[in-house]
Amino acid sequence: MEVTTTILSTNFASSFHALSDPIRLKILDLLRNQELCVCDLSTALELSQSKLSFHLKVLKEAQLVQSQQVGRWTYYRLNLAQLIVLEEYLAQFRRFSPILPPRICGD
């Protein structure tokens, strides 16, 4: 159980780290409607392909996007399964976290 919890915690931390950058959020927003290749993303974001590749790597490692090679082009799409996992994780805070009054600190 502890190993599973550690893996999940690392996975969530990786996902939230990936979501903490405005460029990566823009990438996810662009992928919301369709798969796009690096050249389309680069043009839309006005980023060099090398800078974009770094951000895509972070998103892939966080399992937020998936890629598919088609000829010499790589197409990216949202990984909806991972987004659902994150959504369910966050929903647990809303549903299962009691709101208790603050504990009084002091002597």
PDB file of N, CA and C in Angstrom:
ATOM      1  N   MET A   1       0.824  -1.193   0.000  1.00  0.00           N
ATOM      2  CA  MET A   1       0.000   0.000   0.000  1.00  0.00           C
ATOM      3  C   MET A   1       0.871   1.261   0.000  1.00  0.00           C
ATOM      4  N   GLU A   2       1.953   1.256   0.801  1.00  0.00           N
ATOM      5  CA  GLU A   2       2.809   2.425   0.899  1.00  0.00           C
ATOM      6  C   GLU A   2       3.510   2.722  -0.426  1.00  0.00           C
ATOM      7  N   VAL A   3       3.944   1.684  -1.141  1.00  0.00           N
ATOM      8  CA  VAL A   3       4.596   1.871  -2.431  1.00  0.00           C
ATOM      9  C   VAL A   3       3.615   2.485  -3.420  1.00  0.00           C
ATOM     10  N   THR A   4       2.380   1.995  -3.442  1.00  0.00           N
ATOM     11  CA  THR A   4       1.363   2.532  -4.330  1.00  0.00           C
ATOM     12  C   THR A   4       1.098   3.996  -4.019  1.00  0.00           C
ATOM     13  N   THR A   5       1.005   4.338  -2.747  1.00  0.00           N
ATOM     14  CA  THR A   5       0.777   5.721  -2.339  1.00  0.00           C
ATOM     15  C   THR A   5       1.930   6.607  -2.777  1.00  0.00           C
ATOM     16  N   THR A   6       3.157   6.119  -2.641  1.00  0.00           N
ATOM     17  CA  THR A   6       4.333   6.895  -3.059  1.00  0.00           C
ATOM     18  C   THR A   6       4.313   7.118  -4.563  1.00  0.00           C
ATOM     19  N   ILE A   7       3.988   6.089  -5.316  1.00  0.00           N
ATOM     20  CA  ILE A   7       3.916   6.215  -6.776  1.00  0.00           C
ATOM     21  C   ILE A   7       2.843   7.217  -7.161  1.00  0.00           C
ATOM     22  N   LEU A   8       1.669   7.121  -6.531  1.00  0.00           N
ATOM     23  CA  LEU A   8       0.596   8.062  -6.829  1.00  0.00           C
ATOM     24  C   LEU A   8       0.991   9.484  -6.469  1.00  0.00           C
ATOM     25  N   SER A   9       1.628   9.658  -5.323  1.00  0.00           N
ATOM     26  CA  SER A   9       2.052  10.994  -4.901  1.00  0.00           C
ATOM     27  C   SER A   9       3.052  11.581  -5.892  1.00  0.00           C
ATOM     28  N   THR A  10       3.988  10.780  -6.347  1.00  0.00           N
ATOM     29  CA  THR A  10       4.969  11.238  -7.330  1.00  0.00           C
ATOM     30  C   THR A  10       4.287  11.591  -8.637  1.00  0.00           C
ATOM     31  N   ASN A  11       3.337  10.762  -9.049  1.00  0.00           N
ATOM     32  CA  ASN A  11       2.594  10.998 -10.284  1.00  0.00           C
ATOM     33  C   ASN A  11       1.809  12.303 -10.194  1.00  0.00           C
ATOM     34  N   PHE A  12       1.124  12.523  -9.080  1.00  0.00           N
ATOM     35  CA  PHE A  12       0.365  13.761  -8.904  1.00  0.00           C
ATOM     36  C   PHE A  12       1.296  14.964  -8.870  1.00  0.00           C
ATOM     37  N   ALA A  13       2.400  14.853  -8.165  1.00  0.00           N
ATOM     38  CA  ALA A  13       3.356  15.962  -8.090  1.00  0.00           C
ATOM     39  C   ALA A  13       3.881  16.306  -9.481  1.00  0.00           C
ATOM     40  N   SER A  14       4.174  15.299 -10.266  1.00  0.00           N
ATOM     41  CA  SER A  14       4.658  15.509 -11.626  1.00  0.00           C
ATOM     42  C   SER A  14       3.595  16.201 -12.470  1.00  0.00           C
ATOM     43  N   SER A  15       2.359  15.777 -12.321  1.00  0.00           N
ATOM     44  CA  SER A  15       1.268  16.386 -13.083  1.00  0.00           C
ATOM     45  C   SER A  15       1.055  17.840 -12.684  1.00  0.00           C
ATOM     46  N   PHE A  16       1.040  18.105 -11.383  1.00  0.00           N
ATOM     47  CA  PHE A  16       0.808  19.475 -10.936  1.00  0.00           C
ATOM     48  C   PHE A  16       1.983  20.378 -11.286  1.00  0.00           C
ATOM     49  N   HIS A  17       3.186  19.832 -11.254  1.00  0.00           N
ATOM     50  CA  HIS A  17       4.351  20.607 -11.704  1.00  0.00           C
ATOM     51  C   HIS A  17       4.176  20.984 -13.180  1.00  0.00           C
ATOM     52  N   ALA A  18       3.770  20.020 -13.991  1.00  0.00           N
ATOM     53  CA  ALA A  18       3.572  20.281 -15.421  1.00  0.00           C
ATOM     54  C   ALA A  18       2.498  21.338 -15.641  1.00  0.00           C
ATOM     55  N   LEU A  19       1.489  21.333 -14.797  1.00  0.00           N
ATOM     56  CA  LEU A  19       0.386  22.289 -14.934  1.00  0.00           C
ATOM     57  C   LEU A  19       0.732  23.679 -14.392  1.00  0.00           C
ATOM     58  N   SER A  20       1.880  23.823 -13.764  1.00  0.00           N
ATOM     59  CA  SER A  20       2.232  25.094 -13.128  1.00  0.00           C
ATOM     60  C   SER A  20       2.848  26.117 -14.084  1.00  0.00           C
ATOM     61  N   ASP A  21       3.055  25.742 -15.318  1.00  0.00           N
ATOM     62  CA  ASP A  21       3.695  26.649 -16.267  1.00  0.00           C
ATOM     63  C   ASP A  21       2.670  27.183 -17.277  1.00  0.00           C
ATOM     64  N   PRO A  22       2.609  28.488 -17.482  1.00  0.00           N
ATOM     65  CA  PRO A  22       1.632  29.066 -18.412  1.00  0.00           C
ATOM     66  C   PRO A  22       1.762  28.554 -19.848  1.00  0.00           C
ATOM     67  N   ILE A  23       2.972  28.299 -20.306  1.00  0.00           N
ATOM     68  CA  ILE A  23       3.150  27.784 -21.671  1.00  0.00           C
ATOM     69  C   ILE A  23       2.533  26.398 -21.787  1.00  0.00           C
ATOM     70  N   ARG A  24       2.759  25.559 -20.777  1.00  0.00           N
ATOM     71  CA  ARG A  24       2.194  24.210 -20.828  1.00  0.00           C
ATOM     72  C   ARG A  24       0.668  24.240 -20.744  1.00  0.00           C
ATOM     73  N   LEU A  25       0.129  25.178 -20.001  1.00  0.00           N
ATOM     74  CA  LEU A  25      -1.329  25.326 -19.959  1.00  0.00           C
ATOM     75  C   LEU A  25      -1.868  25.748 -21.329  1.00  0.00           C
ATOM     76  N   LYS A  26      -1.143  26.605 -22.021  1.00  0.00           N
ATOM     77  CA  LYS A  26      -1.550  27.005 -23.372  1.00  0.00           C
ATOM     78  C   LYS A  26      -1.504  25.813 -24.328  1.00  0.00           C
ATOM     79  N   ILE A  27      -0.484  24.978 -24.180  1.00  0.00           N
ATOM     80  CA  ILE A  27      -0.383  23.778 -25.022  1.00  0.00           C
ATOM     81  C   ILE A  27      -1.601  22.889 -24.793  1.00  0.00           C
ATOM     82  N   LEU A  28      -1.937  22.651 -23.535  1.00  0.00           N
ATOM     83  CA  LEU A  28      -3.100  21.818 -23.228  1.00  0.00           C
ATOM     84  C   LEU A  28      -4.370  22.429 -23.791  1.00  0.00           C
ATOM     85  N   ASP A  29      -4.489  23.738 -23.699  1.00  0.00           N
ATOM     86  CA  ASP A  29      -5.664  24.412 -24.230  1.00  0.00           C
ATOM     87  C   ASP A  29      -5.769  24.232 -25.743  1.00  0.00           C
ATOM     88  N   LEU A  30      -4.642  24.324 -26.436  1.00  0.00           N
ATOM     89  CA  LEU A  30      -4.645  24.121 -27.891  1.00  0.00           C
ATOM     90  C   LEU A  30      -5.012  22.687 -28.262  1.00  0.00           C
ATOM     91  N   LEU A  31      -4.625  21.735 -27.418  1.00  0.00           N
ATOM     92  CA  LEU A  31      -4.912  20.331 -27.697  1.00  0.00           C
ATOM     93  C   LEU A  31      -6.326  19.932 -27.281  1.00  0.00           C
ATOM     94  N   ARG A  32      -7.055  20.852 -26.707  1.00  0.00           N
ATOM     95  CA  ARG A  32      -8.395  20.565 -26.218  1.00  0.00           C
ATOM     96  C   ARG A  32      -9.331  20.094 -27.329  1.00  0.00           C
ATOM     97  N   ASN A  33      -9.151  20.644 -28.535  1.00  0.00           N
ATOM     98  CA  ASN A  33     -10.082  20.343 -29.630  1.00  0.00           C
ATOM     99  C   ASN A  33      -9.578  19.317 -30.634  1.00  0.00           C
ATOM    100  N   GLN A  34      -8.262  19.199 -30.768  1.00  0.00           N
ATOM    101  CA  GLN A  34      -7.730  18.272 -31.775  1.00  0.00           C
ATOM    102  C   GLN A  34      -6.264  17.980 -31.541  1.00  0.00           C
ATOM    103  N   GLU A  35      -5.810  16.898 -32.164  1.00  0.00           N
ATOM    104  CA  GLU A  35      -4.385  16.578 -32.154  1.00  0.00           C
ATOM    105  C   GLU A  35      -3.667  17.609 -33.005  1.00  0.00           C
ATOM    106  N   LEU A  36      -2.467  17.965 -32.582  1.00  0.00           N
ATOM    107  CA  LEU A  36      -1.663  18.924 -33.346  1.00  0.00           C
ATOM    108  C   LEU A  36      -0.224  18.448 -33.431  1.00  0.00           C
ATOM    109  N   CYS A  37       0.438  18.810 -34.514  1.00  0.00           N
ATOM    110  CA  CYS A  37       1.852  18.480 -34.647  1.00  0.00           C
ATOM    111  C   CYS A  37       2.679  19.610 -34.044  1.00  0.00           C
ATOM    112  N   VAL A  38       3.934  19.341 -33.855  1.00  0.00           N
ATOM    113  CA  VAL A  38       4.843  20.314 -33.254  1.00  0.00           C
ATOM    114  C   VAL A  38       4.861  21.602 -34.062  1.00  0.00           C
ATOM    115  N   CYS A  39       4.840  21.499 -35.385  1.00  0.00           N
ATOM    116  CA  CYS A  39       4.911  22.715 -36.200  1.00  0.00           C
ATOM    117  C   CYS A  39       3.678  23.592 -35.972  1.00  0.00           C
ATOM    118  N   ASP A  40       2.489  22.993 -35.830  1.00  0.00           N
ATOM    119  CA  ASP A  40       1.280  23.772 -35.557  1.00  0.00           C
ATOM    120  C   ASP A  40       1.336  24.412 -34.170  1.00  0.00           C
ATOM    121  N   LEU A  41       1.782  23.652 -33.187  1.00  0.00           N
ATOM    122  CA  LEU A  41       1.900  24.185 -31.831  1.00  0.00           C
ATOM    123  C   LEU A  41       2.932  25.313 -31.786  1.00  0.00           C
ATOM    124  N   SER A  42       4.045  25.110 -32.446  1.00  0.00           N
ATOM    125  CA  SER A  42       5.112  26.109 -32.470  1.00  0.00           C
ATOM    126  C   SER A  42       4.614  27.415 -33.075  1.00  0.00           C
ATOM    127  N   THR A  43       3.881  27.323 -34.158  1.00  0.00           N
ATOM    128  CA  THR A  43       3.328  28.516 -34.818  1.00  0.00           C
ATOM    129  C   THR A  43       2.303  29.207 -33.920  1.00  0.00           C
ATOM    130  N   ALA A  44       1.389  28.429 -33.357  1.00  0.00           N
ATOM    131  CA  ALA A  44       0.320  28.995 -32.528  1.00  0.00           C
ATOM    132  C   ALA A  44       0.876  29.688 -31.281  1.00  0.00           C
ATOM    133  N   LEU A  45       1.940  29.131 -30.717  1.00  0.00           N
ATOM    134  CA  LEU A  45       2.506  29.666 -29.481  1.00  0.00           C
ATOM    135  C   LEU A  45       3.668  30.641 -29.717  1.00  0.00           C
ATOM    136  N   GLU A  46       4.091  30.730 -30.973  1.00  0.00           N
ATOM    137  CA  GLU A  46       5.248  31.560 -31.335  1.00  0.00           C
ATOM    138  C   GLU A  46       6.478  31.174 -30.513  1.00  0.00           C
ATOM    139  N   LEU A  47       6.726  29.861 -30.462  1.00  0.00           N
ATOM    140  CA  LEU A  47       7.880  29.314 -29.740  1.00  0.00           C
ATOM    141  C   LEU A  47       8.769  28.562 -30.706  1.00  0.00           C
ATOM    142  N   SER A  48      10.058  28.544 -30.402  1.00  0.00           N
ATOM    143  CA  SER A  48      10.962  27.713 -31.195  1.00  0.00           C
ATOM    144  C   SER A  48      10.619  26.248 -30.914  1.00  0.00           C
ATOM    145  N   GLN A  49      10.915  25.389 -31.872  1.00  0.00           N
ATOM    146  CA  GLN A  49      10.609  23.970 -31.685  1.00  0.00           C
ATOM    147  C   GLN A  49      11.397  23.375 -30.532  1.00  0.00           C
ATOM    148  N   SER A  50      12.611  23.864 -30.285  1.00  0.00           N
ATOM    149  CA  SER A  50      13.397  23.303 -29.178  1.00  0.00           C
ATOM    150  C   SER A  50      12.767  23.656 -27.826  1.00  0.00           C
ATOM    151  N   LYS A  51      12.307  24.891 -27.676  1.00  0.00           N
ATOM    152  CA  LYS A  51      11.654  25.287 -26.425  1.00  0.00           C
ATOM    153  C   LYS A  51      10.339  24.532 -26.255  1.00  0.00           C
ATOM    154  N   LEU A  52       9.589  24.406 -27.336  1.00  0.00           N
ATOM    155  CA  LEU A  52       8.327  23.672 -27.303  1.00  0.00           C
ATOM    156  C   LEU A  52       8.565  22.209 -26.955  1.00  0.00           C
ATOM    157  N   SER A  53       9.597  21.623 -27.511  1.00  0.00           N
ATOM    158  CA  SER A  53       9.907  20.218 -27.235  1.00  0.00           C
ATOM    159  C   SER A  53      10.166  19.982 -25.752  1.00  0.00           C
ATOM    160  N   PHE A  54      10.839  20.929 -25.099  1.00  0.00           N
ATOM    161  CA  PHE A  54      11.063  20.810 -23.657  1.00  0.00           C
ATOM    162  C   PHE A  54       9.729  20.734 -22.909  1.00  0.00           C
ATOM    163  N   HIS A  55       8.817  21.632 -23.241  1.00  0.00           N
ATOM    164  CA  HIS A  55       7.520  21.666 -22.558  1.00  0.00           C
ATOM    165  C   HIS A  55       6.693  20.416 -22.863  1.00  0.00           C
ATOM    166  N   LEU A  56       6.755  19.947 -24.093  1.00  0.00           N
ATOM    167  CA  LEU A  56       6.034  18.722 -24.448  1.00  0.00           C
ATOM    168  C   LEU A  56       6.603  17.519 -23.702  1.00  0.00           C
ATOM    169  N   LYS A  57       7.903  17.498 -23.511  1.00  0.00           N
ATOM    170  CA  LYS A  57       8.533  16.407 -22.756  1.00  0.00           C
ATOM    171  C   LYS A  57       8.017  16.390 -21.315  1.00  0.00           C
ATOM    172  N   VAL A  58       7.924  17.554 -20.692  1.00  0.00           N
ATOM    173  CA  VAL A  58       7.418  17.639 -19.326  1.00  0.00           C
ATOM    174  C   VAL A  58       5.973  17.138 -19.275  1.00  0.00           C
ATOM    175  N   LEU A  59       5.159  17.547 -20.236  1.00  0.00           N
ATOM    176  CA  LEU A  59       3.761  17.114 -20.278  1.00  0.00           C
ATOM    177  C   LEU A  59       3.646  15.608 -20.517  1.00  0.00           C
ATOM    178  N   LYS A  60       4.512  15.071 -21.354  1.00  0.00           N
ATOM    179  CA  LYS A  60       4.501  13.616 -21.599  1.00  0.00           C
ATOM    180  C   LYS A  60       4.934  12.851 -20.355  1.00  0.00           C
ATOM    181  N   GLU A  61       5.979  13.312 -19.688  1.00  0.00           N
ATOM    182  CA  GLU A  61       6.449  12.634 -18.480  1.00  0.00           C
ATOM    183  C   GLU A  61       5.391  12.660 -17.382  1.00  0.00           C
ATOM    184  N   ALA A  62       4.574  13.704 -17.375  1.00  0.00           N
ATOM    185  CA  ALA A  62       3.475  13.809 -16.410  1.00  0.00           C
ATOM    186  C   ALA A  62       2.241  13.052 -16.892  1.00  0.00           C
ATOM    187  N   GLN A  63       2.343  12.445 -18.055  1.00  0.00           N
ATOM    188  CA  GLN A  63       1.262  11.666 -18.664  1.00  0.00           C
ATOM    189  C   GLN A  63       0.032  12.507 -18.992  1.00  0.00           C
ATOM    190  N   LEU A  64       0.223  13.797 -19.198  1.00  0.00           N
ATOM    191  CA  LEU A  64      -0.892  14.665 -19.545  1.00  0.00           C
ATOM    192  C   LEU A  64      -1.149  14.711 -21.046  1.00  0.00           C
ATOM    193  N   VAL A  65      -0.128  14.399 -21.833  1.00  0.00           N
ATOM    194  CA  VAL A  65      -0.296  14.308 -23.280  1.00  0.00           C
ATOM    195  C   VAL A  65       0.308  12.991 -23.776  1.00  0.00           C
ATOM    196  N   GLN A  66      -0.172  12.589 -24.922  1.00  0.00           N
ATOM    197  CA  GLN A  66       0.361  11.414 -25.603  1.00  0.00           C
ATOM    198  C   GLN A  66       0.789  11.850 -26.993  1.00  0.00           C
ATOM    199  N   SER A  67       1.690  11.100 -27.578  1.00  0.00           N
ATOM    200  CA  SER A  67       2.158  11.438 -28.917  1.00  0.00           C
ATOM    201  C   SER A  67       2.044  10.236 -29.833  1.00  0.00           C
ATOM    202  N   GLN A  68       1.976  10.552 -31.118  1.00  0.00           N
ATOM    203  CA  GLN A  68       1.912   9.513 -32.142  1.00  0.00           C
ATOM    204  C   GLN A  68       2.737   9.978 -33.331  1.00  0.00           C
ATOM    205  N   GLN A  69       3.629   9.118 -33.768  1.00  0.00           N
ATOM    206  CA  GLN A  69       4.472   9.410 -34.920  1.00  0.00           C
ATOM    207  C   GLN A  69       3.708   9.045 -36.189  1.00  0.00           C
ATOM    208  N   VAL A  70       3.588  10.007 -37.106  1.00  0.00           N
ATOM    209  CA  VAL A  70       2.957   9.775 -38.401  1.00  0.00           C
ATOM    210  C   VAL A  70       3.936  10.283 -39.449  1.00  0.00           C
ATOM    211  N   GLY A  71       4.626   9.341 -40.081  1.00  0.00           N
ATOM    212  CA  GLY A  71       5.682   9.728 -41.005  1.00  0.00           C
ATOM    213  C   GLY A  71       6.784  10.438 -40.238  1.00  0.00           C
ATOM    214  N   ARG A  72       7.154  11.613 -40.704  1.00  0.00           N
ATOM    215  CA  ARG A  72       8.197  12.346 -39.984  1.00  0.00           C
ATOM    216  C   ARG A  72       7.632  13.343 -38.979  1.00  0.00           C
ATOM    217  N   TRP A  73       6.315  13.358 -38.810  1.00  0.00           N
ATOM    218  CA  TRP A  73       5.672  14.293 -37.886  1.00  0.00           C
ATOM    219  C   TRP A  73       5.218  13.582 -36.617  1.00  0.00           C
ATOM    220  N   THR A  74       5.300  14.291 -35.526  1.00  0.00           N
ATOM    221  CA  THR A  74       4.785  13.782 -34.260  1.00  0.00           C
ATOM    222  C   THR A  74       3.564  14.607 -33.888  1.00  0.00           C
ATOM    223  N   TYR A  75       2.458  13.910 -33.648  1.00  0.00           N
ATOM    224  CA  TYR A  75       1.212  14.565 -33.268  1.00  0.00           C
ATOM    225  C   TYR A  75       0.963  14.345 -31.782  1.00  0.00           C
ATOM    226  N   TYR A  76       0.464  15.379 -31.131  1.00  0.00           N
ATOM    227  CA  TYR A  76       0.196  15.335 -29.694  1.00  0.00           C
ATOM    228  C   TYR A  76      -1.298  15.467 -29.449  1.00  0.00           C
ATOM    229  N   ARG A  77      -1.754  14.783 -28.396  1.00  0.00           N
ATOM    230  CA  ARG A  77      -3.155  14.861 -27.987  1.00  0.00           C
ATOM    231  C   ARG A  77      -3.213  14.769 -26.465  1.00  0.00           C
ATOM    232  N   LEU A  78      -4.321  15.212 -25.914  1.00  0.00           N
ATOM    233  CA  LEU A  78      -4.522  15.109 -24.469  1.00  0.00           C
ATOM    234  C   LEU A  78      -4.641  13.658 -24.060  1.00  0.00           C
ATOM    235  N   ASN A  79      -4.134  13.332 -22.898  1.00  0.00           N
ATOM    236  CA  ASN A  79      -4.337  12.019 -22.308  1.00  0.00           C
ATOM    237  C   ASN A  79      -5.507  12.159 -21.337  1.00  0.00           C
ATOM    238  N   LEU A  80      -6.705  11.930 -21.851  1.00  0.00           N
ATOM    239  CA  LEU A  80      -7.914  12.160 -21.061  1.00  0.00           C
ATOM    240  C   LEU A  80      -7.967  11.282 -19.821  1.00  0.00           C
ATOM    241  N   ALA A  81      -7.415  10.093 -19.890  1.00  0.00           N
ATOM    242  CA  ALA A  81      -7.430   9.194 -18.723  1.00  0.00           C
ATOM    243  C   ALA A  81      -6.689   9.830 -17.545  1.00  0.00           C
ATOM    244  N   GLN A  82      -5.539  10.447 -17.808  1.00  0.00           N
ATOM    245  CA  GLN A  82      -4.779  11.089 -16.731  1.00  0.00           C
ATOM    246  C   GLN A  82      -5.509  12.321 -16.205  1.00  0.00           C
ATOM    247  N   LEU A  83      -6.143  13.055 -17.080  1.00  0.00           N
ATOM    248  CA  LEU A  83      -6.909  14.222 -16.634  1.00  0.00           C
ATOM    249  C   LEU A  83      -8.072  13.807 -15.734  1.00  0.00           C
ATOM    250  N   ILE A  84      -8.681  12.670 -16.027  1.00  0.00           N
ATOM    251  CA  ILE A  84      -9.756  12.150 -15.178  1.00  0.00           C
ATOM    252  C   ILE A  84      -9.209  11.763 -13.809  1.00  0.00           C
ATOM    253  N   VAL A  85      -8.036  11.132 -13.782  1.00  0.00           N
ATOM    254  CA  VAL A  85      -7.408  10.755 -12.505  1.00  0.00           C
ATOM    255  C   VAL A  85      -7.163  11.999 -11.652  1.00  0.00           C
ATOM    256  N   LEU A  86      -6.641  13.056 -12.265  1.00  0.00           N
ATOM    257  CA  LEU A  86      -6.390  14.295 -11.523  1.00  0.00           C
ATOM    258  C   LEU A  86      -7.697  14.924 -11.032  1.00  0.00           C
ATOM    259  N   GLU A  87      -8.684  14.904 -11.888  1.00  0.00           N
ATOM    260  CA  GLU A  87      -9.987  15.462 -11.517  1.00  0.00           C
ATOM    261  C   GLU A  87     -10.580  14.711 -10.322  1.00  0.00           C
ATOM    262  N   GLU A  88     -10.498  13.390 -10.344  1.00  0.00           N
ATOM    263  CA  GLU A  88     -11.025  12.586  -9.239  1.00  0.00           C
ATOM    264  C   GLU A  88     -10.223  12.818  -7.959  1.00  0.00           C
ATOM    265  N   TYR A  89      -8.930  12.969  -8.090  1.00  0.00           N
ATOM    266  CA  TYR A  89      -8.076  13.242  -6.925  1.00  0.00           C
ATOM    267  C   TYR A  89      -8.497  14.555  -6.260  1.00  0.00           C
ATOM    268  N   LEU A  90      -8.660  15.595  -7.059  1.00  0.00           N
ATOM    269  CA  LEU A  90      -9.046  16.893  -6.514  1.00  0.00           C
ATOM    270  C   LEU A  90     -10.461  16.870  -5.939  1.00  0.00           C
ATOM    271  N   ALA A  91     -11.346  16.111  -6.565  1.00  0.00           N
ATOM    272  CA  ALA A  91     -12.728  16.030  -6.085  1.00  0.00           C
ATOM    273  C   ALA A  91     -12.793  15.412  -4.687  1.00  0.00           C
ATOM    274  N   GLN A  92     -11.838  14.546  -4.363  1.00  0.00           N
ATOM    275  CA  GLN A  92     -11.820  13.942  -3.029  1.00  0.00           C
ATOM    276  C   GLN A  92     -11.642  14.987  -1.937  1.00  0.00           C
ATOM    277  N   PHE A  93     -10.906  16.040  -2.217  1.00  0.00           N
ATOM    278  CA  PHE A  93     -10.732  17.103  -1.221  1.00  0.00           C
ATOM    279  C   PHE A  93     -12.070  17.784  -0.941  1.00  0.00           C
ATOM    280  N   ARG A  94     -12.833  17.977  -1.978  1.00  0.00           N
ATOM    281  CA  ARG A  94     -14.116  18.634  -1.838  1.00  0.00           C
ATOM    282  C   ARG A  94     -15.129  17.741  -1.125  1.00  0.00           C
ATOM    283  N   ARG A  95     -15.125  16.475  -1.464  1.00  0.00           N
ATOM    284  CA  ARG A  95     -16.143  15.558  -0.934  1.00  0.00           C
ATOM    285  C   ARG A  95     -15.814  15.004   0.437  1.00  0.00           C
ATOM    286  N   PHE A  96     -14.559  14.713   0.707  1.00  0.00           N
ATOM    287  CA  PHE A  96     -14.221  13.930   1.894  1.00  0.00           C
ATOM    288  C   PHE A  96     -13.414  14.668   2.957  1.00  0.00           C
ATOM    289  N   SER A  97     -13.113  15.910   2.744  1.00  0.00           N
ATOM    290  CA  SER A  97     -12.313  16.637   3.724  1.00  0.00           C
ATOM    291  C   SER A  97     -13.236  17.423   4.653  1.00  0.00           C
ATOM    292  N   PRO A  98     -13.242  17.069   5.918  1.00  0.00           N
ATOM    293  CA  PRO A  98     -14.084  17.820   6.847  1.00  0.00           C
ATOM    294  C   PRO A  98     -13.485  19.207   7.085  1.00  0.00           C
ATOM    295  N   ILE A  99     -14.337  20.141   7.273  1.00  0.00           N
ATOM    296  CA  ILE A  99     -13.887  21.492   7.597  1.00  0.00           C
ATOM    297  C   ILE A  99     -14.039  21.649   9.107  1.00  0.00           C
ATOM    298  N   LEU A 100     -12.929  21.568   9.798  1.00  0.00           N
ATOM    299  CA  LEU A 100     -12.926  21.651  11.250  1.00  0.00           C
ATOM    300  C   LEU A 100     -12.497  23.048  11.676  1.00  0.00           C
ATOM    301  N   PRO A 101     -12.940  23.487  12.838  1.00  0.00           N
ATOM    302  CA  PRO A 101     -12.454  24.782  13.329  1.00  0.00           C
ATOM    303  C   PRO A 101     -10.958  24.678  13.627  1.00  0.00           C
ATOM    304  N   PRO A 102     -10.283  25.810  13.605  1.00  0.00           N
ATOM    305  CA  PRO A 102      -8.842  25.756  13.858  1.00  0.00           C
ATOM    306  C   PRO A 102      -8.549  25.280  15.285  1.00  0.00           C
ATOM    307  N   ARG A 103      -7.452  24.558  15.400  1.00  0.00           N
ATOM    308  CA  ARG A 103      -6.992  24.115  16.710  1.00  0.00           C
ATOM    309  C   ARG A 103      -6.346  25.306  17.396  1.00  0.00           C
ATOM    310  N   ILE A 104      -6.670  25.501  18.641  1.00  0.00           N
ATOM    311  CA  ILE A 104      -6.110  26.608  19.401  1.00  0.00           C
ATOM    312  C   ILE A 104      -4.691  26.250  19.820  1.00  0.00           C
ATOM    313  N   CYS A 105      -3.741  27.057  19.391  1.00  0.00           N
ATOM    314  CA  CYS A 105      -2.342  26.842  19.751  1.00  0.00           C
ATOM    315  C   CYS A 105      -2.025  27.656  21.002  1.00  0.00           C
ATOM    316  N   GLY A 106      -1.066  27.202  21.729  1.00  0.00           N
ATOM    317  CA  GLY A 106      -0.651  27.991  22.882  1.00  0.00           C
ATOM    318  C   GLY A 106      -0.238  27.117  24.029  1.00  0.00           C
ATOM    319  N   ASP A 107      -0.109  27.764  25.147  1.00  0.00           N
ATOM    320  CA  ASP A 107       0.383  27.078  26.340  1.00  0.00           C
ATOM    321  C   ASP A 107      -0.663  26.180  26.922  1.00  0.00           C
TER     322      ASP A 107
END
